[in-house]
Amino acid sequence: MIHGIGTDIVEISRIKDAAEKWGDRFLKRVFTENEIAYCYKKKDPYPHLAVRFAAKEAVIKASSSLRSRRLEFSAIEILNEPSGKPFVNINFRDEIFKSEFSIHLTLTHERSYAIATVVLERKNS
């Protein structure tokens, strides 16, 4: 059963400007070490950072009805399977969240914008 849907769009230049202005202070507040390493292996890291930012926002929106389980950016990690398919890793103390829900994620970016959509599905319903 679908529990929540979230989508977000981010202007890539906003993430680039923040990363250039605030450096590690911004990056480490928003992204995990794994995410930063992945993005900076790319020729242009900013679309990859922006789409992860959008994905984190989309996860928060999809889970917003779970008031007792408020997620922070630092608890949400956007990674890729070896095939390239993105997935969400929740680093959250609430193991019930992980066991009760599946998170479906799609990411895309083009010249100026990055977009992410998340579907939060309750397992076994």
PDB file of N, CA and C in Angstrom:
ATOM      1  N   MET A   1       0.842  -1.175   0.000  1.00  0.00           N
ATOM      2  CA  MET A   1       0.000   0.000   0.000  1.00  0.00           C
ATOM      3  C   MET A   1       0.896   1.251   0.000  1.00  0.00           C
ATOM      4  N   ILE A   2       0.573   2.197  -0.861  1.00  0.00           N
ATOM      5  CA  ILE A   2       1.355   3.434  -0.920  1.00  0.00           C
ATOM      6  C   ILE A   2       1.018   4.282   0.301  1.00  0.00           C
ATOM      7  N   HIS A   3       2.068   4.675   0.999  1.00  0.00           N
ATOM      8  CA  HIS A   3       1.898   5.492   2.202  1.00  0.00           C
ATOM      9  C   HIS A   3       2.148   6.971   1.929  1.00  0.00           C
ATOM     10  N   GLY A   4       3.050   7.248   0.988  1.00  0.00           N
ATOM     11  CA  GLY A   4       3.356   8.642   0.678  1.00  0.00           C
ATOM     12  C   GLY A   4       4.116   8.766  -0.623  1.00  0.00           C
ATOM     13  N   ILE A   5       3.979   9.920  -1.249  1.00  0.00           N
ATOM     14  CA  ILE A   5       4.692  10.241  -2.479  1.00  0.00           C
ATOM     15  C   ILE A   5       5.353  11.601  -2.279  1.00  0.00           C
ATOM     16  N   GLY A   6       6.582  11.714  -2.724  1.00  0.00           N
ATOM     17  CA  GLY A   6       7.274  12.996  -2.645  1.00  0.00           C
ATOM     18  C   GLY A   6       8.036  13.255  -3.926  1.00  0.00           C
ATOM     19  N   THR A   7       8.057  14.494  -4.339  1.00  0.00           N
ATOM     20  CA  THR A   7       8.856  14.876  -5.502  1.00  0.00           C
ATOM     21  C   THR A   7       9.495  16.223  -5.218  1.00  0.00           C
ATOM     22  N   ASP A   8      10.657  16.446  -5.813  1.00  0.00           N
ATOM     23  CA  ASP A   8      11.345  17.717  -5.610  1.00  0.00           C
ATOM     24  C   ASP A   8      12.174  18.039  -6.845  1.00  0.00           C
ATOM     25  N   ILE A   9      12.279  19.311  -7.117  1.00  0.00           N
ATOM     26  CA  ILE A   9      13.105  19.802  -8.221  1.00  0.00           C
ATOM     27  C   ILE A   9      14.075  20.835  -7.644  1.00  0.00           C
ATOM     28  N   VAL A  10      15.309  20.761  -8.082  1.00  0.00           N
ATOM     29  CA  VAL A  10      16.353  21.649  -7.573  1.00  0.00           C
ATOM     30  C   VAL A  10      17.099  22.247  -8.765  1.00  0.00           C
ATOM     31  N   GLU A  11      17.353  23.533  -8.688  1.00  0.00           N
ATOM     32  CA  GLU A  11      18.178  24.180  -9.692  1.00  0.00           C
ATOM     33  C   GLU A  11      19.639  23.833  -9.374  1.00  0.00           C
ATOM     34  N   ILE A  12      20.312  23.209 -10.299  1.00  0.00           N
ATOM     35  CA  ILE A  12      21.677  22.727 -10.078  1.00  0.00           C
ATOM     36  C   ILE A  12      22.602  23.869  -9.667  1.00  0.00           C
ATOM     37  N   SER A  13      22.422  25.041 -10.229  1.00  0.00           N
ATOM     38  CA  SER A  13      23.291  26.174  -9.909  1.00  0.00           C
ATOM     39  C   SER A  13      23.200  26.562  -8.425  1.00  0.00           C
ATOM     40  N   ARG A  14      22.049  26.354  -7.782  1.00  0.00           N
ATOM     41  CA  ARG A  14      21.913  26.673  -6.351  1.00  0.00           C
ATOM     42  C   ARG A  14      22.823  25.775  -5.511  1.00  0.00           C
ATOM     43  N   ILE A  15      22.895  24.505  -5.869  1.00  0.00           N
ATOM     44  CA  ILE A  15      23.746  23.566  -5.128  1.00  0.00           C
ATOM     45  C   ILE A  15      25.214  23.879  -5.414  1.00  0.00           C
ATOM     46  N   LYS A  16      25.524  24.198  -6.669  1.00  0.00           N
ATOM     47  CA  LYS A  16      26.898  24.562  -7.019  1.00  0.00           C
ATOM     48  C   LYS A  16      27.331  25.807  -6.250  1.00  0.00           C
ATOM     49  N   ASP A  17      26.477  26.826  -6.223  1.00  0.00           N
ATOM     50  CA  ASP A  17      26.806  28.061  -5.505  1.00  0.00           C
ATOM     51  C   ASP A  17      27.025  27.795  -4.016  1.00  0.00           C
ATOM     52  N   ALA A  18      26.170  26.987  -3.413  1.00  0.00           N
ATOM     53  CA  ALA A  18      26.306  26.675  -1.984  1.00  0.00           C
ATOM     54  C   ALA A  18      27.592  25.898  -1.717  1.00  0.00           C
ATOM     55  N   ALA A  19      27.903  24.932  -2.580  1.00  0.00           N
ATOM     56  CA  ALA A  19      29.120  24.137  -2.400  1.00  0.00           C
ATOM     57  C   ALA A  19      30.371  25.003  -2.564  1.00  0.00           C
ATOM     58  N   GLU A  20      30.339  25.917  -3.517  1.00  0.00           N
ATOM     59  CA  GLU A  20      31.499  26.790  -3.733  1.00  0.00           C
ATOM     60  C   GLU A  20      31.627  27.830  -2.624  1.00  0.00           C
ATOM     61  N   LYS A  21      30.517  28.329  -2.125  1.00  0.00           N
ATOM     62  CA  LYS A  21      30.557  29.351  -1.079  1.00  0.00           C
ATOM     63  C   LYS A  21      30.905  28.760   0.290  1.00  0.00           C
ATOM     64  N   TRP A  22      30.265  27.650   0.654  1.00  0.00           N
ATOM     65  CA  TRP A  22      30.401  27.097   2.001  1.00  0.00           C
ATOM     66  C   TRP A  22      31.304  25.873   2.081  1.00  0.00           C
ATOM     67  N   GLY A  23      31.668  25.285   0.961  1.00  0.00           N
ATOM     68  CA  GLY A  23      32.593  24.162   0.931  1.00  0.00           C
ATOM     69  C   GLY A  23      32.144  22.978   1.766  1.00  0.00           C
ATOM     70  N   ASP A  24      33.105  22.410   2.503  1.00  0.00           N
ATOM     71  CA  ASP A  24      32.842  21.224   3.317  1.00  0.00           C
ATOM     72  C   ASP A  24      31.762  21.454   4.370  1.00  0.00           C
ATOM     73  N   ARG A  25      31.658  22.663   4.843  1.00  0.00           N
ATOM     74  CA  ARG A  25      30.633  22.966   5.858  1.00  0.00           C
ATOM     75  C   ARG A  25      29.239  22.629   5.324  1.00  0.00           C
ATOM     76  N   PHE A  26      28.965  23.037   4.100  1.00  0.00           N
ATOM     77  CA  PHE A  26      27.689  22.723   3.456  1.00  0.00           C
ATOM     78  C   PHE A  26      27.615  21.244   3.097  1.00  0.00           C
ATOM     79  N   LEU A  27      28.636  20.739   2.427  1.00  0.00           N
ATOM     80  CA  LEU A  27      28.609  19.362   1.937  1.00  0.00           C
ATOM     81  C   LEU A  27      28.407  18.359   3.061  1.00  0.00           C
ATOM     82  N   LYS A  28      29.138  18.512   4.157  1.00  0.00           N
ATOM     83  CA  LYS A  28      29.058  17.535   5.247  1.00  0.00           C
ATOM     84  C   LYS A  28      27.779  17.669   6.068  1.00  0.00           C
ATOM     85  N   ARG A  29      27.118  18.810   5.990  1.00  0.00           N
ATOM     86  CA  ARG A  29      25.841  18.988   6.673  1.00  0.00           C
ATOM     87  C   ARG A  29      24.713  18.282   5.911  1.00  0.00           C
ATOM     88  N   VAL A  30      24.842  18.248   4.585  1.00  0.00           N
ATOM     89  CA  VAL A  30      23.757  17.740   3.748  1.00  0.00           C
ATOM     90  C   VAL A  30      24.007  16.322   3.234  1.00  0.00           C
ATOM     91  N   PHE A  31      25.245  16.000   2.923  1.00  0.00           N
ATOM     92  CA  PHE A  31      25.571  14.739   2.259  1.00  0.00           C
ATOM     93  C   PHE A  31      26.465  13.863   3.131  1.00  0.00           C
ATOM     94  N   THR A  32      26.387  12.551   2.871  1.00  0.00           N
ATOM     95  CA  THR A  32      27.265  11.619   3.579  1.00  0.00           C
ATOM     96  C   THR A  32      28.617  11.561   2.858  1.00  0.00           C
ATOM     97  N   GLU A  33      29.595  10.978   3.510  1.00  0.00           N
ATOM     98  CA  GLU A  33      30.917  10.814   2.882  1.00  0.00           C
ATOM     99  C   GLU A  33      30.799   9.992   1.600  1.00  0.00           C
ATOM    100  N   ASN A  34      29.972   8.945   1.620  1.00  0.00           N
ATOM    101  CA  ASN A  34      29.785   8.119   0.424  1.00  0.00           C
ATOM    102  C   ASN A  34      29.204   8.923  -0.727  1.00  0.00           C
ATOM    103  N   GLU A  35      28.231   9.773  -0.437  1.00  0.00           N
ATOM    104  CA  GLU A  35      27.612  10.593  -1.481  1.00  0.00           C
ATOM    105  C   GLU A  35      28.609  11.596  -2.050  1.00  0.00           C
ATOM    106  N   ILE A  36      29.358  12.239  -1.180  1.00  0.00           N
ATOM    107  CA  ILE A  36      30.351  13.233  -1.624  1.00  0.00           C
ATOM    108  C   ILE A  36      31.401  12.563  -2.504  1.00  0.00           C
ATOM    109  N   ALA A  37      31.895  11.407  -2.068  1.00  0.00           N
ATOM    110  CA  ALA A  37      32.906  10.682  -2.837  1.00  0.00           C
ATOM    111  C   ALA A  37      32.371  10.284  -4.214  1.00  0.00           C
ATOM    112  N   TYR A  38      31.152   9.771  -4.252  1.00  0.00           N
ATOM    113  CA  TYR A  38      30.543   9.370  -5.521  1.00  0.00           C
ATOM    114  C   TYR A  38      30.421  10.568  -6.474  1.00  0.00           C
ATOM    115  N   CYS A  39      29.892  11.663  -5.975  1.00  0.00           N
ATOM    116  CA  CYS A  39      29.644  12.830  -6.828  1.00  0.00           C
ATOM    117  C   CYS A  39      30.936  13.454  -7.338  1.00  0.00           C
ATOM    118  N   TYR A  40      31.957  13.512  -6.496  1.00  0.00           N
ATOM    119  CA  TYR A  40      33.206  14.160  -6.900  1.00  0.00           C
ATOM    120  C   TYR A  40      34.090  13.265  -7.764  1.00  0.00           C
ATOM    121  N   LYS A  41      33.667  12.026  -8.000  1.00  0.00           N
ATOM    122  CA  LYS A  41      34.351  11.179  -8.984  1.00  0.00           C
ATOM    123  C   LYS A  41      33.882  11.529 -10.392  1.00  0.00           C
ATOM    124  N   LYS A  42      32.774  12.241 -10.477  1.00  0.00           N
ATOM    125  CA  LYS A  42      32.202  12.616 -11.766  1.00  0.00           C
ATOM    126  C   LYS A  42      32.897  13.857 -12.310  1.00  0.00           C
ATOM    127  N   LYS A  43      32.867  14.010 -13.637  1.00  0.00           N
ATOM    128  CA  LYS A  43      33.471  15.182 -14.281  1.00  0.00           C
ATOM    129  C   LYS A  43      32.862  16.468 -13.738  1.00  0.00           C
ATOM    130  N   ASP A  44      31.536  16.494 -13.611  1.00  0.00           N
ATOM    131  CA  ASP A  44      30.814  17.630 -13.038  1.00  0.00           C
ATOM    132  C   ASP A  44      29.997  17.111 -11.864  1.00  0.00           C
ATOM    133  N   PRO A  45      30.438  17.345 -10.641  1.00  0.00           N
ATOM    134  CA  PRO A  45      29.748  16.764  -9.481  1.00  0.00           C
ATOM    135  C   PRO A  45      28.401  17.412  -9.154  1.00  0.00           C
ATOM    136  N   TYR A  46      28.164  18.615  -9.644  1.00  0.00           N
ATOM    137  CA  TYR A  46      27.012  19.379  -9.168  1.00  0.00           C
ATOM    138  C   TYR A  46      25.642  18.804  -9.566  1.00  0.00           C
ATOM    139  N   PRO A  47      25.457  18.294 -10.778  1.00  0.00           N
ATOM    140  CA  PRO A  47      24.166  17.652 -11.064  1.00  0.00           C
ATOM    141  C   PRO A  47      23.906  16.454 -10.148  1.00  0.00           C
ATOM    142  N   HIS A  48      24.951  15.727  -9.807  1.00  0.00           N
ATOM    143  CA  HIS A  48      24.821  14.549  -8.962  1.00  0.00           C
ATOM    144  C   HIS A  48      24.531  14.943  -7.513  1.00  0.00           C
ATOM    145  N   LEU A  49      25.162  16.000  -7.053  1.00  0.00           N
ATOM    146  CA  LEU A  49      24.835  16.519  -5.718  1.00  0.00           C
ATOM    147  C   LEU A  49      23.401  17.044  -5.685  1.00  0.00           C
ATOM    148  N   ALA A  50      23.026  17.787  -6.713  1.00  0.00           N
ATOM    149  CA  ALA A  50      21.687  18.389  -6.748  1.00  0.00           C
ATOM    150  C   ALA A  50      20.597  17.333  -6.768  1.00  0.00           C
ATOM    151  N   VAL A  51      20.782  16.278  -7.536  1.00  0.00           N
ATOM    152  CA  VAL A  51      19.745  15.252  -7.607  1.00  0.00           C
ATOM    153  C   VAL A  51      19.651  14.492  -6.282  1.00  0.00           C
ATOM    154  N   ARG A  52      20.748  14.364  -5.558  1.00  0.00           N
ATOM    155  CA  ARG A  52      20.695  13.741  -4.230  1.00  0.00           C
ATOM    156  C   ARG A  52      19.998  14.663  -3.225  1.00  0.00           C
ATOM    157  N   PHE A  53      20.234  15.946  -3.348  1.00  0.00           N
ATOM    158  CA  PHE A  53      19.527  16.906  -2.507  1.00  0.00           C
ATOM    159  C   PHE A  53      18.018  16.806  -2.761  1.00  0.00           C
ATOM    160  N   ALA A  54      17.635  16.771  -4.032  1.00  0.00           N
ATOM    161  CA  ALA A  54      16.218  16.647  -4.389  1.00  0.00           C
ATOM    162  C   ALA A  54      15.636  15.341  -3.856  1.00  0.00           C
ATOM    163  N   ALA A  55      16.405  14.266  -3.925  1.00  0.00           N
ATOM    164  CA  ALA A  55      15.927  12.971  -3.432  1.00  0.00           C
ATOM    165  C   ALA A  55      15.695  13.003  -1.927  1.00  0.00           C
ATOM    166  N   LYS A  56      16.582  13.644  -1.194  1.00  0.00           N
ATOM    167  CA  LYS A  56      16.415  13.747   0.260  1.00  0.00           C
ATOM    168  C   LYS A  56      15.140  14.532   0.586  1.00  0.00           C
ATOM    169  N   GLU A  57      14.915  15.621  -0.146  1.00  0.00           N
ATOM    170  CA  GLU A  57      13.682  16.398   0.040  1.00  0.00           C
ATOM    171  C   GLU A  57      12.454  15.545  -0.276  1.00  0.00           C
ATOM    172  N   ALA A  58      12.530  14.769  -1.349  1.00  0.00           N
ATOM    173  CA  ALA A  58      11.401  13.923  -1.739  1.00  0.00           C
ATOM    174  C   ALA A  58      11.123  12.840  -0.694  1.00  0.00           C
ATOM    175  N   VAL A  59      12.166  12.267  -0.099  1.00  0.00           N
ATOM    176  CA  VAL A  59      11.984  11.274   0.975  1.00  0.00           C
ATOM    177  C   VAL A  59      11.293  11.919   2.163  1.00  0.00           C
ATOM    178  N   ILE A  60      11.727  13.104   2.534  1.00  0.00           N
ATOM    179  CA  ILE A  60      11.117  13.809   3.673  1.00  0.00           C
ATOM    180  C   ILE A  60       9.651  14.110   3.376  1.00  0.00           C
ATOM    181  N   LYS A  61       9.347  14.542   2.167  1.00  0.00           N
ATOM    182  CA  LYS A  61       7.957  14.827   1.796  1.00  0.00           C
ATOM    183  C   LYS A  61       7.112  13.556   1.825  1.00  0.00           C
ATOM    184  N   ALA A  62       7.634  12.469   1.292  1.00  0.00           N
ATOM    185  CA  ALA A  62       6.876  11.215   1.254  1.00  0.00           C
ATOM    186  C   ALA A  62       6.605  10.669   2.650  1.00  0.00           C
ATOM    187  N   SER A  63       7.495  10.943   3.575  1.00  0.00           N
ATOM    188  CA  SER A  63       7.347  10.408   4.937  1.00  0.00           C
ATOM    189  C   SER A  63       6.789  11.443   5.911  1.00  0.00           C
ATOM    190  N   SER A  64       6.311  12.568   5.401  1.00  0.00           N
ATOM    191  CA  SER A  64       5.879  13.658   6.282  1.00  0.00           C
ATOM    192  C   SER A  64       4.696  13.290   7.169  1.00  0.00           C
ATOM    193  N   SER A  65       3.885  12.329   6.753  1.00  0.00           N
ATOM    194  CA  SER A  65       2.747  11.938   7.595  1.00  0.00           C
ATOM    195  C   SER A  65       3.183  11.091   8.785  1.00  0.00           C
ATOM    196  N   LEU A  66       4.416  10.666   8.796  1.00  0.00           N
ATOM    197  CA  LEU A  66       4.961   9.897   9.928  1.00  0.00           C
ATOM    198  C   LEU A  66       5.563  10.872  10.918  1.00  0.00           C
ATOM    199  N   ARG A  67       4.751  11.644  11.551  1.00  0.00           N
ATOM    200  CA  ARG A  67       5.213  12.751  12.408  1.00  0.00           C
ATOM    201  C   ARG A  67       6.190  12.307  13.485  1.00  0.00           C
ATOM    202  N   SER A  68       6.009  11.117  14.019  1.00  0.00           N
ATOM    203  CA  SER A  68       6.901  10.659  15.090  1.00  0.00           C
ATOM    204  C   SER A  68       8.243  10.180  14.547  1.00  0.00           C
ATOM    205  N   ARG A  69       8.367  10.121  13.224  1.00  0.00           N
ATOM    206  CA  ARG A  69       9.582   9.592  12.615  1.00  0.00           C
ATOM    207  C   ARG A  69      10.196  10.605  11.666  1.00  0.00           C
ATOM    208  N   ARG A  70      10.393  11.813  12.106  1.00  0.00           N
ATOM    209  CA  ARG A  70      10.934  12.897  11.280  1.00  0.00           C
ATOM    210  C   ARG A  70      12.364  12.558  10.860  1.00  0.00           C
ATOM    211  N   LEU A  71      12.598  12.570   9.570  1.00  0.00           N
ATOM    212  CA  LEU A  71      13.918  12.279   9.032  1.00  0.00           C
ATOM    213  C   LEU A  71      14.686  13.573   8.796  1.00  0.00           C
ATOM    214  N   GLU A  72      15.955  13.525   9.043  1.00  0.00           N
ATOM    215  CA  GLU A  72      16.851  14.649   8.779  1.00  0.00           C
ATOM    216  C   GLU A  72      17.695  14.311   7.548  1.00  0.00           C
ATOM    217  N   PHE A  73      18.232  15.335   6.900  1.00  0.00           N
ATOM    218  CA  PHE A  73      19.083  15.106   5.734  1.00  0.00           C
ATOM    219  C   PHE A  73      20.211  14.130   6.041  1.00  0.00           C
ATOM    220  N   SER A  74      20.792  14.257   7.219  1.00  0.00           N
ATOM    221  CA  SER A  74      21.935  13.418   7.566  1.00  0.00           C
ATOM    222  C   SER A  74      21.569  11.944   7.714  1.00  0.00           C
ATOM    223  N   ALA A  75      20.279  11.630   7.885  1.00  0.00           N
ATOM    224  CA  ALA A  75      19.836  10.242   8.040  1.00  0.00           C
ATOM    225  C   ALA A  75      19.481   9.603   6.698  1.00  0.00           C
ATOM    226  N   ILE A  76      19.467  10.380   5.643  1.00  0.00           N
ATOM    227  CA  ILE A  76      19.064   9.895   4.322  1.00  0.00           C
ATOM    228  C   ILE A  76      20.296   9.861   3.417  1.00  0.00           C
ATOM    229  N   GLU A  77      20.569   8.698   2.862  1.00  0.00           N
ATOM    230  CA  GLU A  77      21.724   8.537   1.983  1.00  0.00           C
ATOM    231  C   GLU A  77      21.247   7.982   0.644  1.00  0.00           C
ATOM    232  N   ILE A  78      21.634   8.632  -0.429  1.00  0.00           N
ATOM    233  CA  ILE A  78      21.258   8.207  -1.772  1.00  0.00           C
ATOM    234  C   ILE A  78      22.484   7.554  -2.408  1.00  0.00           C
ATOM    235  N   LEU A  79      22.377   6.264  -2.659  1.00  0.00           N
ATOM    236  CA  LEU A  79      23.483   5.483  -3.210  1.00  0.00           C
ATOM    237  C   LEU A  79      23.052   4.843  -4.520  1.00  0.00           C
ATOM    238  N   ASN A  80      23.980   4.144  -5.160  1.00  0.00           N
ATOM    239  CA  ASN A  80      23.677   3.451  -6.405  1.00  0.00           C
ATOM    240  C   ASN A  80      24.101   1.996  -6.303  1.00  0.00           C
ATOM    241  N   GLU A  81      23.260   1.129  -6.849  1.00  0.00           N
ATOM    242  CA  GLU A  81      23.626  -0.272  -6.985  1.00  0.00           C
ATOM    243  C   GLU A  81      24.699  -0.379  -8.065  1.00  0.00           C
ATOM    244  N   PRO A  82      25.424  -1.496  -8.140  1.00  0.00           N
ATOM    245  CA  PRO A  82      26.430  -1.647  -9.199  1.00  0.00           C
ATOM    246  C   PRO A  82      25.860  -1.427 -10.607  1.00  0.00           C
ATOM    247  N   SER A  83      24.579  -1.720 -10.786  1.00  0.00           N
ATOM    248  CA  SER A  83      23.931  -1.513 -12.086  1.00  0.00           C
ATOM    249  C   SER A  83      23.708  -0.037 -12.386  1.00  0.00           C
ATOM    250  N   GLY A  84      23.836   0.814 -11.362  1.00  0.00           N
ATOM    251  CA  GLY A  84      23.588   2.246 -11.516  1.00  0.00           C
ATOM    252  C   GLY A  84      22.255   2.685 -10.938  1.00  0.00           C
ATOM    253  N   LYS A  85      21.371   1.720 -10.644  1.00  0.00           N
ATOM    254  CA  LYS A  85      20.056   2.055 -10.099  1.00  0.00           C
ATOM    255  C   LYS A  85      20.214   2.717  -8.731  1.00  0.00           C
ATOM    256  N   PRO A  86      19.582   3.879  -8.538  1.00  0.00           N
ATOM    257  CA  PRO A  86      19.704   4.553  -7.232  1.00  0.00           C
ATOM    258  C   PRO A  86      18.794   3.903  -6.191  1.00  0.00           C
ATOM    259  N   PHE A  87      19.218   4.016  -4.941  1.00  0.00           N
ATOM    260  CA  PHE A  87      18.393   3.543  -3.839  1.00  0.00           C
ATOM    261  C   PHE A  87      18.626   4.428  -2.627  1.00  0.00           C
ATOM    262  N   VAL A  88      17.702   4.333  -1.682  1.00  0.00           N
ATOM    263  CA  VAL A  88      17.764   5.134  -0.463  1.00  0.00           C
ATOM    264  C   VAL A  88      18.215   4.246   0.680  1.00  0.00           C
ATOM    265  N   ASN A  89      19.210   4.704   1.404  1.00  0.00           N
ATOM    266  CA  ASN A  89      19.648   4.046   2.630  1.00  0.00           C
ATOM    267  C   ASN A  89      19.291   4.991   3.775  1.00  0.00           C
ATOM    268  N   ILE A  90      18.478   4.506   4.697  1.00  0.00           N
ATOM    269  CA  ILE A  90      18.089   5.320   5.844  1.00  0.00           C
ATOM    270  C   ILE A  90      18.979   4.954   7.024  1.00  0.00           C
ATOM    271  N   ASN A  91      19.745   5.911   7.498  1.00  0.00           N
ATOM    272  CA  ASN A  91      20.578   5.742   8.689  1.00  0.00           C
ATOM    273  C   ASN A  91      19.811   6.356   9.850  1.00  0.00           C
ATOM    274  N   PHE A  92      18.887   5.582  10.370  1.00  0.00           N
ATOM    275  CA  PHE A  92      17.923   6.085  11.331  1.00  0.00           C
ATOM    276  C   PHE A  92      17.792   5.063  12.444  1.00  0.00           C
ATOM    277  N   ARG A  93      17.742   5.521  13.655  1.00  0.00           N
ATOM    278  CA  ARG A  93      17.672   4.619  14.812  1.00  0.00           C
ATOM    279  C   ARG A  93      16.414   3.756  14.817  1.00  0.00           C
ATOM    280  N   ASP A  94      15.363   4.227  14.183  1.00  0.00           N
ATOM    281  CA  ASP A  94      14.077   3.543  14.202  1.00  0.00           C
ATOM    282  C   ASP A  94      14.085   2.384  13.204  1.00  0.00           C
ATOM    283  N   GLU A  95      14.446   1.200  13.665  1.00  0.00           N
ATOM    284  CA  GLU A  95      14.490   0.024  12.802  1.00  0.00           C
ATOM    285  C   GLU A  95      13.106  -0.340  12.288  1.00  0.00           C
ATOM    286  N   ILE A  96      12.058   0.052  12.996  1.00  0.00           N
ATOM    287  CA  ILE A  96      10.700  -0.233  12.553  1.00  0.00           C
ATOM    288  C   ILE A  96      10.442   0.444  11.217  1.00  0.00           C
ATOM    289  N   PHE A  97      10.957   1.659  11.049  1.00  0.00           N
ATOM    290  CA  PHE A  97      10.789   2.371   9.776  1.00  0.00           C
ATOM    291  C   PHE A  97      11.352   1.531   8.643  1.00  0.00           C
ATOM    292  N   LYS A  98      12.568   1.035   8.825  1.00  0.00           N
ATOM    293  CA  LYS A  98      13.215   0.247   7.784  1.00  0.00           C
ATOM    294  C   LYS A  98      12.465  -1.049   7.505  1.00  0.00           C
ATOM    295  N   SER A  99      11.954  -1.678   8.537  1.00  0.00           N
ATOM    296  CA  SER A  99      11.277  -2.955   8.346  1.00  0.00           C
ATOM    297  C   SER A  99       9.845  -2.795   7.841  1.00  0.00           C
ATOM    298  N   GLU A 100       9.215  -1.659   8.072  1.00  0.00           N
ATOM    299  CA  GLU A 100       7.819  -1.445   7.669  1.00  0.00           C
ATOM    300  C   GLU A 100       7.659  -0.867   6.272  1.00  0.00           C
ATOM    301  N   PHE A 101       8.679  -0.192   5.749  1.00  0.00           N
ATOM    302  CA  PHE A 101       8.514   0.552   4.501  1.00  0.00           C
ATOM    303  C   PHE A 101       9.572   0.201   3.466  1.00  0.00           C
ATOM    304  N   SER A 102       9.155   0.226   2.210  1.00  0.00           N
ATOM    305  CA  SER A 102      10.058   0.181   1.060  1.00  0.00           C
ATOM    306  C   SER A 102      10.041   1.568   0.432  1.00  0.00           C
ATOM    307  N   ILE A 103      11.190   1.995  -0.057  1.00  0.00           N
ATOM    308  CA  ILE A 103      11.280   3.313  -0.690  1.00  0.00           C
ATOM    309  C   ILE A 103      11.681   3.114  -2.146  1.00  0.00           C
ATOM    310  N   HIS A 104      10.826   3.581  -3.043  1.00  0.00           N
ATOM    311  CA  HIS A 104      11.091   3.517  -4.475  1.00  0.00           C
ATOM    312  C   HIS A 104      11.539   4.912  -4.918  1.00  0.00           C
ATOM    313  N   LEU A 105      12.597   4.964  -5.714  1.00  0.00           N
ATOM    314  CA  LEU A 105      13.231   6.229  -6.045  1.00  0.00           C
ATOM    315  C   LEU A 105      13.549   6.313  -7.531  1.00  0.00           C
ATOM    316  N   THR A 106      13.296   7.460  -8.113  1.00  0.00           N
ATOM    317  CA  THR A 106      13.761   7.743  -9.465  1.00  0.00           C
ATOM    318  C   THR A 106      14.410   9.129  -9.472  1.00  0.00           C
ATOM    319  N   LEU A 107      15.506   9.239 -10.202  1.00  0.00           N
ATOM    320  CA  LEU A 107      16.285  10.477 -10.273  1.00  0.00           C
ATOM    321  C   LEU A 107      16.497  10.863 -11.733  1.00  0.00           C
ATOM    322  N   THR A 108      16.548  12.151 -11.988  1.00  0.00           N
ATOM    323  CA  THR A 108      16.939  12.619 -13.309  1.00  0.00           C
ATOM    324  C   THR A 108      17.508  14.034 -13.183  1.00  0.00           C
ATOM    325  N   HIS A 109      18.416  14.353 -14.086  1.00  0.00           N
ATOM    326  CA  HIS A 109      18.919  15.726 -14.152  1.00  0.00           C
ATOM    327  C   HIS A 109      19.257  16.037 -15.601  1.00  0.00           C
ATOM    328  N   GLU A 110      19.153  17.305 -15.910  1.00  0.00           N
ATOM    329  CA  GLU A 110      19.525  17.792 -17.232  1.00  0.00           C
ATOM    330  C   GLU A 110      20.321  19.071 -17.042  1.00  0.00           C
ATOM    331  N   ARG A 111      20.416  19.886 -18.012  1.00  0.00           N
ATOM    332  CA  ARG A 111      21.312  21.037 -17.974  1.00  0.00           C
ATOM    333  C   ARG A 111      21.168  21.909 -16.724  1.00  0.00           C
ATOM    334  N   SER A 112      19.941  22.254 -16.345  1.00  0.00           N
ATOM    335  CA  SER A 112      19.740  23.221 -15.266  1.00  0.00           C
ATOM    336  C   SER A 112      19.069  22.674 -14.018  1.00  0.00           C
ATOM    337  N   TYR A 113      18.383  21.550 -14.147  1.00  0.00           N
ATOM    338  CA  TYR A 113      17.551  21.078 -13.040  1.00  0.00           C
ATOM    339  C   TYR A 113      17.795  19.606 -12.717  1.00  0.00           C
ATOM    340  N   ALA A 114      17.542  19.278 -11.462  1.00  0.00           N
ATOM    341  CA  ALA A 114      17.591  17.895 -10.987  1.00  0.00           C
ATOM    342  C   ALA A 114      16.252  17.596 -10.321  1.00  0.00           C
ATOM    343  N   ILE A 115      15.703  16.426 -10.608  1.00  0.00           N
ATOM    344  CA  ILE A 115      14.394  16.053 -10.094  1.00  0.00           C
ATOM    345  C   ILE A 115      14.458  14.656  -9.492  1.00  0.00           C
ATOM    346  N   ALA A 116      13.744  14.477  -8.386  1.00  0.00           N
ATOM    347  CA  ALA A 116      13.639  13.159  -7.752  1.00  0.00           C
ATOM    348  C   ALA A 116      12.196  12.919  -7.348  1.00  0.00           C
ATOM    349  N   THR A 117      11.777  11.681  -7.482  1.00  0.00           N
ATOM    350  CA  THR A 117      10.453  11.261  -7.027  1.00  0.00           C
ATOM    351  C   THR A 117      10.617  10.020  -6.166  1.00  0.00           C
ATOM    352  N   VAL A 118       9.875   9.999  -5.060  1.00  0.00           N
ATOM    353  CA  VAL A 118       9.924   8.896  -4.103  1.00  0.00           C
ATOM    354  C   VAL A 118       8.508   8.397  -3.852  1.00  0.00           C
ATOM    355  N   VAL A 119       8.373   7.082  -3.806  1.00  0.00           N
ATOM    356  CA  VAL A 119       7.132   6.454  -3.382  1.00  0.00           C
ATOM    357  C   VAL A 119       7.473   5.643  -2.135  1.00  0.00           C
ATOM    358  N   LEU A 120       6.782   5.948  -1.053  1.00  0.00           N
ATOM    359  CA  LEU A 120       6.970   5.240   0.218  1.00  0.00           C
ATOM    360  C   LEU A 120       5.856   4.200   0.313  1.00  0.00           C
ATOM    361  N   GLU A 121       6.242   2.943   0.336  1.00  0.00           N
ATOM    362  CA  GLU A 121       5.282   1.845   0.346  1.00  0.00           C
ATOM    363  C   GLU A 121       5.373   1.075   1.653  1.00  0.00           C
ATOM    364  N   ARG A 122       4.222   0.855   2.268  1.00  0.00           N
ATOM    365  CA  ARG A 122       4.186   0.038   3.476  1.00  0.00           C
ATOM    366  C   ARG A 122       4.263  -1.424   3.054  1.00  0.00           C
ATOM    367  N   LYS A 123       5.191  -2.163   3.644  1.00  0.00           N
ATOM    368  CA  LYS A 123       5.353  -3.574   3.329  1.00  0.00           C
ATOM    369  C   LYS A 123       4.213  -4.375   3.958  1.00  0.00           C
ATOM    370  N   ASN A 124       3.952  -5.519   3.374  1.00  0.00           N
ATOM    371  CA  ASN A 124       2.988  -6.483   3.922  1.00  0.00           C
ATOM    372  C   ASN A 124       1.621  -5.893   4.147  1.00  0.00           C
ATOM    373  N   SER A 125       1.112  -5.122   3.209  1.00  0.00           N
ATOM    374  CA  SER A 125      -0.259  -4.633   3.373  1.00  0.00           C
ATOM    375  C   SER A 125      -1.061  -4.809   2.123  1.00  0.00           C
TER     376      SER A 125
END
